[in-house]
């Protein structure tokens, strides 16, 4: 299946290999589903590798497939070796891990950073899609943006850094301001459009409207009346991994009152090469009782009925017509896969709230967040101009993704 990559941990079935160090050892990855698994994440504890291979001064290891081709790998923040496996339906694939350094120039497939120059955005991407979330400088200026933003792309190259650099170039900004002072509006607009990331310059753009909503997949607790307690911008962050295969960031939010508790939310968001979806691990310090939690996608009035609710299959989906449907920006397919989903529903806004939030409502996946526990779900998007042809194709991707979560790869060594 094209464009399929799934960022979840494979089940490790560790078979005894003895304690004698070898020059390499074999890893067998088994797929028990009748679905091909492409670029699916496997993590092996480094302790199991160093128990079987000689220790090295630089800690460098190589992963190769059955044909001897080198497979990109990454040492994770929690000391695992990560690589992406490809396994046919009901099949197995064999990989080797050995001591050594790559002979090829490293390629980064996932990257992100904090952009203090753009009111504290944190933006990240992999080879198929890009996202951002909003920080304290945006909150301080009063703008309400609670959810995740979607940046579409149609190239495997990393583009977010260049988009920010062009949009925020101080010399260009000064030229635009000078033209406006001279009332040369057309020239100012032309120059702005030539650098703006809201315009497609051949590899995608930012054409998704978040506003004061959950955007493309943010989570929130519900109050006693079932109302969303909108989270604001993150208060602190830590980038835990930054490629070459996976980006991972920890976001910590400001304390807020919930029932009789004072809570602090933490989100760990990760995006791996090839995946359309981020993994979100959510927890609430201070929570004393189980609480209803939703992950949601904003529904816009331009396409109010283009959503799919499949609680029985573990996903919800929406086709967004972008923030300017007359500008030929294509369609953005947005989705959430939530293994702990108990209900999926559409929650419309009343007229006043719809006007305030610039949207018709949300589709919501409801679950339960428990004290001292983590609520995990997956959220993300795809773009019609990056080869995605229909809502049906996107829905199948989400449905298959949910199946893979229920039947992780088996890893034997």
Protein backbone atom coordinates (compact mmCIF):
# COMPACT_ATOMS: atom_id res chain seq x y z
CA UNK A 1 0.00 0.00 0.00
CA UNK A 2 1.43 3.37 -0.94
CA UNK A 3 2.11 6.18 1.50
CA UNK A 4 1.68 3.92 4.52
CA UNK A 5 3.92 4.24 7.57
CA UNK A 6 2.94 3.59 11.14
CA UNK A 7 4.62 5.00 14.19
CA UNK A 8 3.87 2.54 16.93
CA UNK A 9 6.08 0.16 18.90
CA UNK A 10 6.40 -3.38 17.58
CA UNK A 11 5.83 -6.23 20.04
CA UNK A 12 9.21 -7.60 21.09
CA UNK A 13 9.30 -11.38 21.40
CA UNK A 14 12.88 -11.86 22.53
CA UNK A 15 14.30 -15.28 21.76
CA UNK A 16 17.40 -16.50 23.57
CA UNK A 17 20.57 -16.02 21.55
CA UNK A 18 23.16 -16.72 24.23
CA UNK A 19 25.63 -14.22 25.67
CA UNK A 20 28.57 -14.73 23.33
CA UNK A 21 29.29 -11.50 21.38
CA UNK A 22 29.02 -11.87 17.60
CA UNK A 23 29.86 -9.62 14.66
CA UNK A 24 26.16 -9.33 13.84
CA UNK A 25 22.84 -10.90 14.68
CA UNK A 26 19.59 -11.53 12.87
CA UNK A 27 16.25 -9.88 13.58
CA UNK A 28 13.09 -11.47 12.16
CA UNK A 29 9.97 -9.31 11.88
CA UNK A 30 6.64 -11.10 11.47
CA UNK A 31 3.35 -9.64 10.21
CA UNK A 32 0.23 -11.61 11.20
CA UNK A 33 -2.19 -9.36 9.30
CA UNK A 34 -3.37 -9.74 5.72
CA UNK A 35 -2.16 -6.15 5.11
CA UNK A 36 1.26 -5.15 3.83
CA UNK A 37 3.25 -3.20 6.43
CA UNK A 38 5.40 -0.45 4.95
CA UNK A 39 7.93 1.63 6.90
CA UNK A 40 6.61 0.41 10.24
CA UNK A 41 8.59 1.27 13.33
CA UNK A 42 10.60 -1.33 15.23
CA UNK A 43 12.49 -0.50 18.44
CA UNK A 44 15.02 -2.81 20.06
CA UNK A 45 16.58 -2.00 23.45
CA UNK A 46 20.25 -1.13 23.12
CA UNK A 47 20.93 -3.37 26.11
CA UNK A 48 19.86 -6.38 24.03
CA UNK A 49 22.12 -5.26 21.19
CA UNK A 50 25.21 -4.66 23.32
CA UNK A 51 24.66 -8.04 24.99
CA UNK A 52 25.05 -9.69 21.59
CA UNK A 53 27.53 -7.43 19.81
CA UNK A 54 30.94 -6.05 20.83
CA UNK A 55 30.90 -2.68 22.55
CA UNK A 56 32.10 0.23 20.41
CA UNK A 57 33.66 3.54 21.35
CA UNK A 58 31.24 5.52 19.21
CA UNK A 59 28.16 3.33 19.69
CA UNK A 60 27.61 3.02 15.93
CA UNK A 61 25.54 0.18 14.52
CA UNK A 62 24.23 -0.64 11.04
CA UNK A 63 20.93 -2.29 10.09
CA UNK A 64 20.72 -4.12 6.75
CA UNK A 65 17.91 -6.01 5.03
CA UNK A 66 18.03 -9.51 3.56
CA UNK A 67 19.63 -8.20 0.35
CA UNK A 68 22.33 -6.36 2.28
CA UNK A 69 20.90 -2.89 1.73
CA UNK A 70 21.52 -0.50 4.60
CA UNK A 71 18.37 0.60 6.46
CA UNK A 72 18.40 4.02 8.20
CA UNK A 73 18.28 3.76 11.98
CA UNK A 74 18.26 6.02 15.02
CA UNK A 75 19.19 5.77 18.70
CA UNK A 76 16.18 7.00 20.66
CA UNK A 77 16.04 9.21 23.77
CA UNK A 78 15.28 6.14 25.91
CA UNK A 79 18.19 4.10 24.49
CA UNK A 80 16.54 1.94 21.86
CA UNK A 81 17.61 1.27 18.29
CA UNK A 82 14.82 2.35 15.94
CA UNK A 83 14.47 1.28 12.30
CA UNK A 84 11.58 0.96 9.85
CA UNK A 85 10.57 -2.49 8.66
CA UNK A 86 8.75 -3.53 5.50
CA UNK A 87 6.82 -6.80 5.72
CA UNK A 88 4.42 -8.35 3.22
CA UNK A 89 0.93 -9.43 4.26
CA UNK A 90 1.14 -12.54 6.48
CA UNK A 91 4.89 -12.50 5.86
CA UNK A 92 8.25 -12.11 7.54
CA UNK A 93 11.29 -9.95 6.85
CA UNK A 94 14.82 -10.51 8.07
CA UNK A 95 17.25 -7.78 9.15
CA UNK A 96 20.80 -7.83 10.47
CA UNK A 97 22.34 -5.54 13.07
CA UNK A 98 26.10 -5.18 13.08
CA UNK A 99 28.83 -2.93 14.43
CA UNK A 100 29.95 -0.18 12.10
CA UNK A 101 29.38 3.28 10.70
CA UNK A 102 27.21 4.13 7.72
CA UNK A 103 29.05 4.56 4.44
CA UNK A 104 26.31 6.88 3.20
CA UNK A 105 25.72 10.53 4.02
CA UNK A 106 22.97 10.66 6.67
CA UNK A 107 19.57 11.82 5.43
CA UNK A 108 17.11 13.45 7.80
CA UNK A 109 13.49 12.44 7.24
CA UNK A 110 12.03 14.15 10.32
CA UNK A 111 12.87 17.52 11.83
CA UNK A 112 11.38 20.29 13.89
CA UNK A 113 12.27 23.21 16.11
CA UNK A 114 11.02 26.09 18.22
CA UNK A 115 10.47 29.32 16.24
CA UNK A 116 10.61 32.17 18.77
CA UNK A 117 10.80 34.57 15.83
CA UNK A 118 7.20 33.51 14.94
CA UNK A 119 5.52 33.98 18.37
CA UNK A 120 6.88 30.71 19.77
CA UNK A 121 5.60 28.28 17.14
CA UNK A 122 6.87 24.74 17.34
CA UNK A 123 6.76 23.25 13.84
CA UNK A 124 7.85 19.85 12.62
CA UNK A 125 7.64 17.62 9.58
CA UNK A 126 8.61 14.34 8.01
CA UNK A 127 8.87 13.36 4.37
CA UNK A 128 5.09 13.43 3.76
CA UNK A 129 3.47 16.08 5.96
CA UNK A 130 4.05 18.95 8.42
CA UNK A 131 2.44 20.44 11.53
CA UNK A 132 2.75 23.17 14.11
CA UNK A 133 1.42 24.13 17.52
CA UNK A 134 1.32 27.49 19.25
CA UNK A 135 3.32 28.85 22.17
CA UNK A 136 3.26 31.39 25.00
CA UNK A 137 4.14 34.46 22.90
CA UNK A 138 0.99 33.92 20.83
CA UNK A 139 -1.09 33.49 23.99
CA UNK A 140 0.41 36.68 25.44
CA UNK A 141 -0.80 38.74 22.49
CA UNK A 142 -4.36 37.54 23.06
CA UNK A 143 -4.84 35.41 19.96
CA UNK A 144 -6.85 32.27 20.68
CA UNK A 145 -5.50 29.25 18.83
CA UNK A 146 -5.98 26.04 20.78
CA UNK A 147 -5.49 23.33 18.20
CA UNK A 148 -2.88 21.85 15.92
CA UNK A 149 -2.17 23.41 12.54
CA UNK A 150 -1.68 21.41 9.34
CA UNK A 151 0.93 22.37 6.76
CA UNK A 152 0.56 20.44 3.54
CA UNK A 153 3.45 19.38 1.33
CA UNK A 154 3.99 17.24 -1.78
CA UNK A 155 7.74 16.66 -1.61
CA UNK A 156 9.91 14.33 0.49
CA UNK A 157 12.28 17.24 1.11
CA UNK A 158 12.14 19.09 4.41
CA UNK A 159 10.56 22.48 3.70
CA UNK A 160 9.37 24.05 6.96
CA UNK A 161 12.65 25.82 7.77
CA UNK A 162 12.72 27.47 4.35
CA UNK A 163 9.07 28.51 4.64
CA UNK A 164 9.69 30.32 7.91
CA UNK A 165 12.89 31.90 6.60
CA UNK A 166 11.10 33.33 3.58
CA UNK A 167 8.00 34.45 5.45
CA UNK A 168 9.96 36.14 8.25
CA UNK A 169 12.86 37.60 6.27
CA UNK A 170 13.35 41.07 7.84
CA UNK A 171 14.64 42.71 4.65
CA UNK A 172 11.63 41.54 2.66
CA UNK A 173 9.27 42.60 5.46
CA UNK A 174 10.85 46.06 5.43
CA UNK A 175 10.42 46.32 1.65
CA UNK A 176 6.77 45.33 1.93
CA UNK A 177 6.17 47.89 4.69
CA UNK A 178 7.89 50.59 2.64
CA UNK A 179 5.74 49.85 -0.40
CA UNK A 180 2.60 50.07 1.73
CA UNK A 181 3.72 53.43 3.13
CA UNK A 182 4.00 54.60 -0.46
CA UNK A 183 0.48 53.25 -1.11
CA UNK A 184 1.90 50.81 -3.66
CA UNK A 185 -0.57 48.16 -2.56
CA UNK A 186 -0.38 45.93 -5.63
CA UNK A 187 3.43 45.81 -5.53
CA UNK A 188 3.41 45.16 -1.78
CA UNK A 189 0.90 42.33 -2.20
CA UNK A 190 2.90 40.79 -5.03
CA UNK A 191 6.09 40.81 -2.97
CA UNK A 192 4.29 39.37 0.07
CA UNK A 193 2.74 36.58 -1.98
CA UNK A 194 6.16 35.72 -3.41
CA UNK A 195 7.46 34.76 0.05
CA UNK A 196 4.37 33.85 2.09
CA UNK A 197 3.90 30.30 3.33
CA UNK A 198 0.18 30.83 2.77
CA UNK A 199 0.91 30.60 -0.97
CA UNK A 200 1.91 27.38 -2.74
CA UNK A 201 5.33 27.91 -4.30
CA UNK A 202 5.43 24.38 -5.70
CA UNK A 203 5.78 22.19 -2.62
CA UNK A 204 2.71 23.02 -0.50
CA UNK A 205 1.62 25.69 1.96
CA UNK A 206 -0.28 26.58 5.11
CA UNK A 207 -3.93 26.71 4.05
CA UNK A 208 -5.62 25.20 7.11
CA UNK A 209 -7.75 27.33 9.43
CA UNK A 210 -7.42 26.57 13.15
CA UNK A 211 -8.80 29.60 15.01
CA UNK A 212 -10.17 29.09 18.55
CA UNK A 213 -10.85 25.36 17.96
CA UNK A 214 -9.12 22.01 18.42
CA UNK A 215 -7.83 22.31 14.84
CA UNK A 216 -6.36 19.17 13.34
CA UNK A 217 -6.50 16.83 16.32
CA UNK A 218 -5.84 18.47 19.70
CA UNK A 219 -7.16 16.92 22.91
CA UNK A 220 -9.18 18.44 25.76
CA UNK A 221 -11.00 17.37 28.91
CA UNK A 222 -14.76 17.81 29.24
CA UNK A 223 -16.46 19.54 32.15
CA UNK A 224 -19.45 18.16 34.08
CA UNK A 225 -21.84 19.46 31.41
CA UNK A 226 -19.89 17.90 28.54
CA UNK A 227 -18.34 21.18 27.39
CA UNK A 228 -14.81 21.29 26.02
CA UNK A 229 -12.23 22.84 28.34
CA UNK A 230 -10.07 24.37 25.65
CA UNK A 231 -6.34 24.12 26.28
CA UNK A 232 -4.33 27.23 25.52
CA UNK A 233 -0.76 27.34 24.23
CA UNK A 234 2.07 25.28 25.69
CA UNK A 235 4.06 26.84 28.53
CA UNK A 236 7.28 24.83 28.22
CA UNK A 237 8.76 22.33 25.78
CA UNK A 238 11.60 19.87 25.29
CA UNK A 239 12.62 18.41 21.94
CA UNK A 240 13.46 14.82 22.84
CA UNK A 241 14.40 13.50 19.40
CA UNK A 242 15.14 15.33 16.16
CA UNK A 243 15.65 12.78 13.42
CA UNK A 244 16.82 11.28 11.30
CA UNK A 245 13.74 9.00 11.50
CA UNK A 246 11.60 10.45 14.28
CA UNK A 247 10.83 13.85 15.73
CA UNK A 248 9.57 13.93 19.32
CA UNK A 249 8.63 16.86 21.54
CA UNK A 250 7.31 17.10 25.09
CA UNK A 251 4.86 19.97 25.67
CA UNK A 252 3.91 21.10 29.17
CA UNK A 253 0.87 23.33 29.71
CA UNK A 254 -0.06 25.86 32.37
CA UNK A 255 -1.94 24.64 35.47
CA UNK A 256 -5.74 24.82 35.31
CA UNK A 257 -8.63 24.01 37.64
CA UNK A 258 -10.64 20.85 36.96
CA UNK A 259 -13.31 19.80 39.43
CA UNK A 260 -11.50 19.88 42.78
CA UNK A 261 -8.09 19.34 41.19
CA UNK A 262 -5.34 21.56 39.85
CA UNK A 263 -3.99 19.88 36.74
CA UNK A 264 -0.92 20.20 34.54
CA UNK A 265 -1.18 18.58 31.13
CA UNK A 266 1.81 17.02 29.37
CA UNK A 267 1.78 15.90 25.76
CA UNK A 268 4.50 13.90 24.05
CA UNK A 269 4.06 14.16 20.29
CA UNK A 270 6.11 12.11 17.84
CA UNK A 271 6.20 11.80 14.06
CA UNK A 272 8.17 9.12 12.25
CA UNK A 273 9.34 8.93 8.64
CA UNK A 274 6.60 8.08 6.17
CA UNK A 275 3.67 8.41 8.58
CA UNK A 276 0.72 10.72 7.98
CA UNK A 277 -0.14 10.53 11.69
CA UNK A 278 1.51 11.80 14.85
CA UNK A 279 1.41 9.79 18.05
CA UNK A 280 0.18 11.75 21.10
CA UNK A 281 0.76 10.53 24.66
CA UNK A 282 -1.30 12.69 27.02
CA UNK A 283 -1.23 12.78 30.83
CA UNK A 284 -2.54 15.08 33.56
CA UNK A 285 -0.54 15.54 36.76
CA UNK A 286 -2.88 16.12 39.73
CA UNK A 287 -5.83 14.18 38.33
CA UNK A 288 -7.52 12.22 41.13
CA UNK A 289 -10.47 10.66 39.29
CA UNK A 290 -11.08 9.33 35.79
CA UNK A 291 -12.11 12.11 33.41
CA UNK A 292 -13.70 12.20 29.94
CA UNK A 293 -11.26 13.32 27.26
CA UNK A 294 -11.84 14.14 23.61
CA UNK A 295 -9.57 14.51 20.62
CA UNK A 296 -11.17 16.63 17.96
CA UNK A 297 -11.12 17.96 14.41
CA UNK A 298 -12.70 21.27 13.47
CA UNK A 299 -15.52 21.14 10.91
CA UNK A 300 -15.80 24.20 8.68
CA UNK A 301 -19.01 25.54 7.11
CA UNK A 302 -17.67 25.14 3.56
CA UNK A 303 -17.95 21.32 3.92
CA UNK A 304 -20.16 20.68 6.95
CA UNK A 305 -21.11 17.07 6.25
CA UNK A 306 -17.83 15.65 4.94
CA UNK A 307 -16.94 13.67 8.06
CA UNK A 308 -16.78 9.99 8.96
CA UNK A 309 -17.41 8.62 12.45
CA UNK A 310 -16.26 5.03 12.94
CA UNK A 311 -15.98 4.37 16.67
CA UNK A 312 -16.27 0.62 16.00
CA UNK A 313 -13.17 0.81 13.79
CA UNK A 314 -11.36 3.30 16.03
CA UNK A 315 -11.16 6.38 13.81
CA UNK A 316 -12.81 9.65 12.78
CA UNK A 317 -12.08 11.62 9.59
CA UNK A 318 -12.92 14.87 7.81
CA UNK A 319 -12.36 16.39 4.37
CA UNK A 320 -11.41 20.07 4.75
CA UNK A 321 -11.70 22.37 1.74
CA UNK A 322 -8.88 24.64 3.05
CA UNK A 323 -9.14 28.27 4.13
CA UNK A 324 -9.62 29.56 0.58
CA UNK A 325 -11.64 27.12 -1.51
CA UNK A 326 -11.42 29.40 -4.56
CA UNK A 327 -7.61 29.36 -4.62
CA UNK A 328 -7.14 25.81 -5.93
CA UNK A 329 -5.46 24.59 -2.74
CA UNK A 330 -6.99 21.12 -3.03
CA UNK A 331 -8.47 19.30 -0.05
CA UNK A 332 -6.93 18.34 3.27
CA UNK A 333 -7.91 14.98 4.73
CA UNK A 334 -7.71 15.06 8.53
CA UNK A 335 -8.06 12.10 10.85
CA UNK A 336 -7.74 10.67 14.35
CA UNK A 337 -7.14 7.05 15.32
CA UNK A 338 -7.91 6.43 19.00
CA UNK A 339 -7.56 2.90 20.37
CA UNK A 340 -9.31 3.96 23.59
CA UNK A 341 -12.28 5.59 21.82
CA UNK A 342 -15.62 4.88 23.45
CA UNK A 343 -17.73 7.19 21.29
CA UNK A 344 -17.46 9.22 18.08
CA UNK A 345 -19.80 12.12 17.45
CA UNK A 346 -20.34 15.42 15.70
CA UNK A 347 -20.81 18.33 18.11
CA UNK A 348 -22.19 21.44 16.35
CA UNK A 349 -21.73 24.98 17.56
CA UNK A 350 -24.69 27.24 18.17
CA UNK A 351 -24.97 30.34 15.97
CA UNK A 352 -23.06 32.64 18.34
CA UNK A 353 -20.26 30.14 18.95
CA UNK A 354 -20.03 29.29 15.25
CA UNK A 355 -19.50 32.98 14.49
CA UNK A 356 -16.94 33.33 17.28
CA UNK A 357 -14.92 30.28 16.28
CA UNK A 358 -15.33 30.55 12.51
CA UNK A 359 -16.47 26.95 12.26
CA UNK A 360 -19.55 24.72 12.31
CA UNK A 361 -18.40 22.44 15.12
CA UNK A 362 -16.10 19.53 15.87
CA UNK A 363 -16.02 15.82 15.28
CA UNK A 364 -14.89 14.24 18.52
CA UNK A 365 -13.40 10.93 19.60
CA UNK A 366 -14.25 10.44 23.28
CA UNK A 367 -12.22 8.37 25.72
CA UNK A 368 -11.27 8.24 29.39
CA UNK A 369 -8.15 9.64 31.00
CA UNK A 370 -7.22 7.97 34.29
CA UNK A 371 -5.06 9.22 37.18
CA UNK A 372 -1.36 8.37 36.82
CA UNK A 373 -1.97 7.02 33.35
CA UNK A 374 -1.35 8.01 29.74
CA UNK A 375 -4.03 8.45 27.10
CA UNK A 376 -2.65 7.65 23.64
CA UNK A 377 -4.12 8.49 20.26
CA UNK A 378 -2.90 9.34 16.75
CA UNK A 379 -3.74 12.40 14.65
CA UNK A 380 -2.71 13.77 11.30
CA UNK A 381 -3.54 14.58 7.71
CA UNK A 382 -2.98 14.07 4.00
CA UNK A 383 -3.31 16.36 0.96
CA UNK A 384 -5.11 15.81 -2.32
CA UNK A 385 -2.18 17.44 -4.17
CA UNK A 386 0.23 14.90 -2.68
CA UNK A 387 -1.43 11.95 -4.39
CA UNK A 388 -4.40 11.30 -2.09
CA UNK A 389 -7.40 10.89 -4.35
CA UNK A 390 -10.48 10.63 -2.14
CA UNK A 391 -12.06 10.51 1.30
CA UNK A 392 -12.46 6.77 0.80
CA UNK A 393 -8.71 6.29 0.33
CA UNK A 394 -8.00 8.34 3.46
CA UNK A 395 -10.60 6.45 5.49
CA UNK A 396 -9.03 3.15 4.46
CA UNK A 397 -5.63 4.40 5.59
CA UNK A 398 -7.07 5.25 9.01
CA UNK A 399 -8.98 1.96 9.26
CA UNK A 400 -5.86 -0.05 8.36
CA UNK A 401 -3.79 2.02 10.79
CA UNK A 402 -6.18 1.07 13.60
CA UNK A 403 -5.87 -2.60 12.64
CA UNK A 404 -2.10 -2.38 12.80
CA UNK A 405 -2.27 -0.91 16.28
CA UNK A 406 -4.27 -3.92 17.42
CA UNK A 407 -1.83 -6.35 15.82
CA UNK A 408 1.72 -5.01 16.18
CA UNK A 409 4.64 -6.58 14.40
CA UNK A 410 6.36 -9.41 16.20
CA UNK A 411 10.12 -9.04 16.50
CA UNK A 412 12.26 -12.13 17.16
CA UNK A 413 16.00 -12.29 17.72
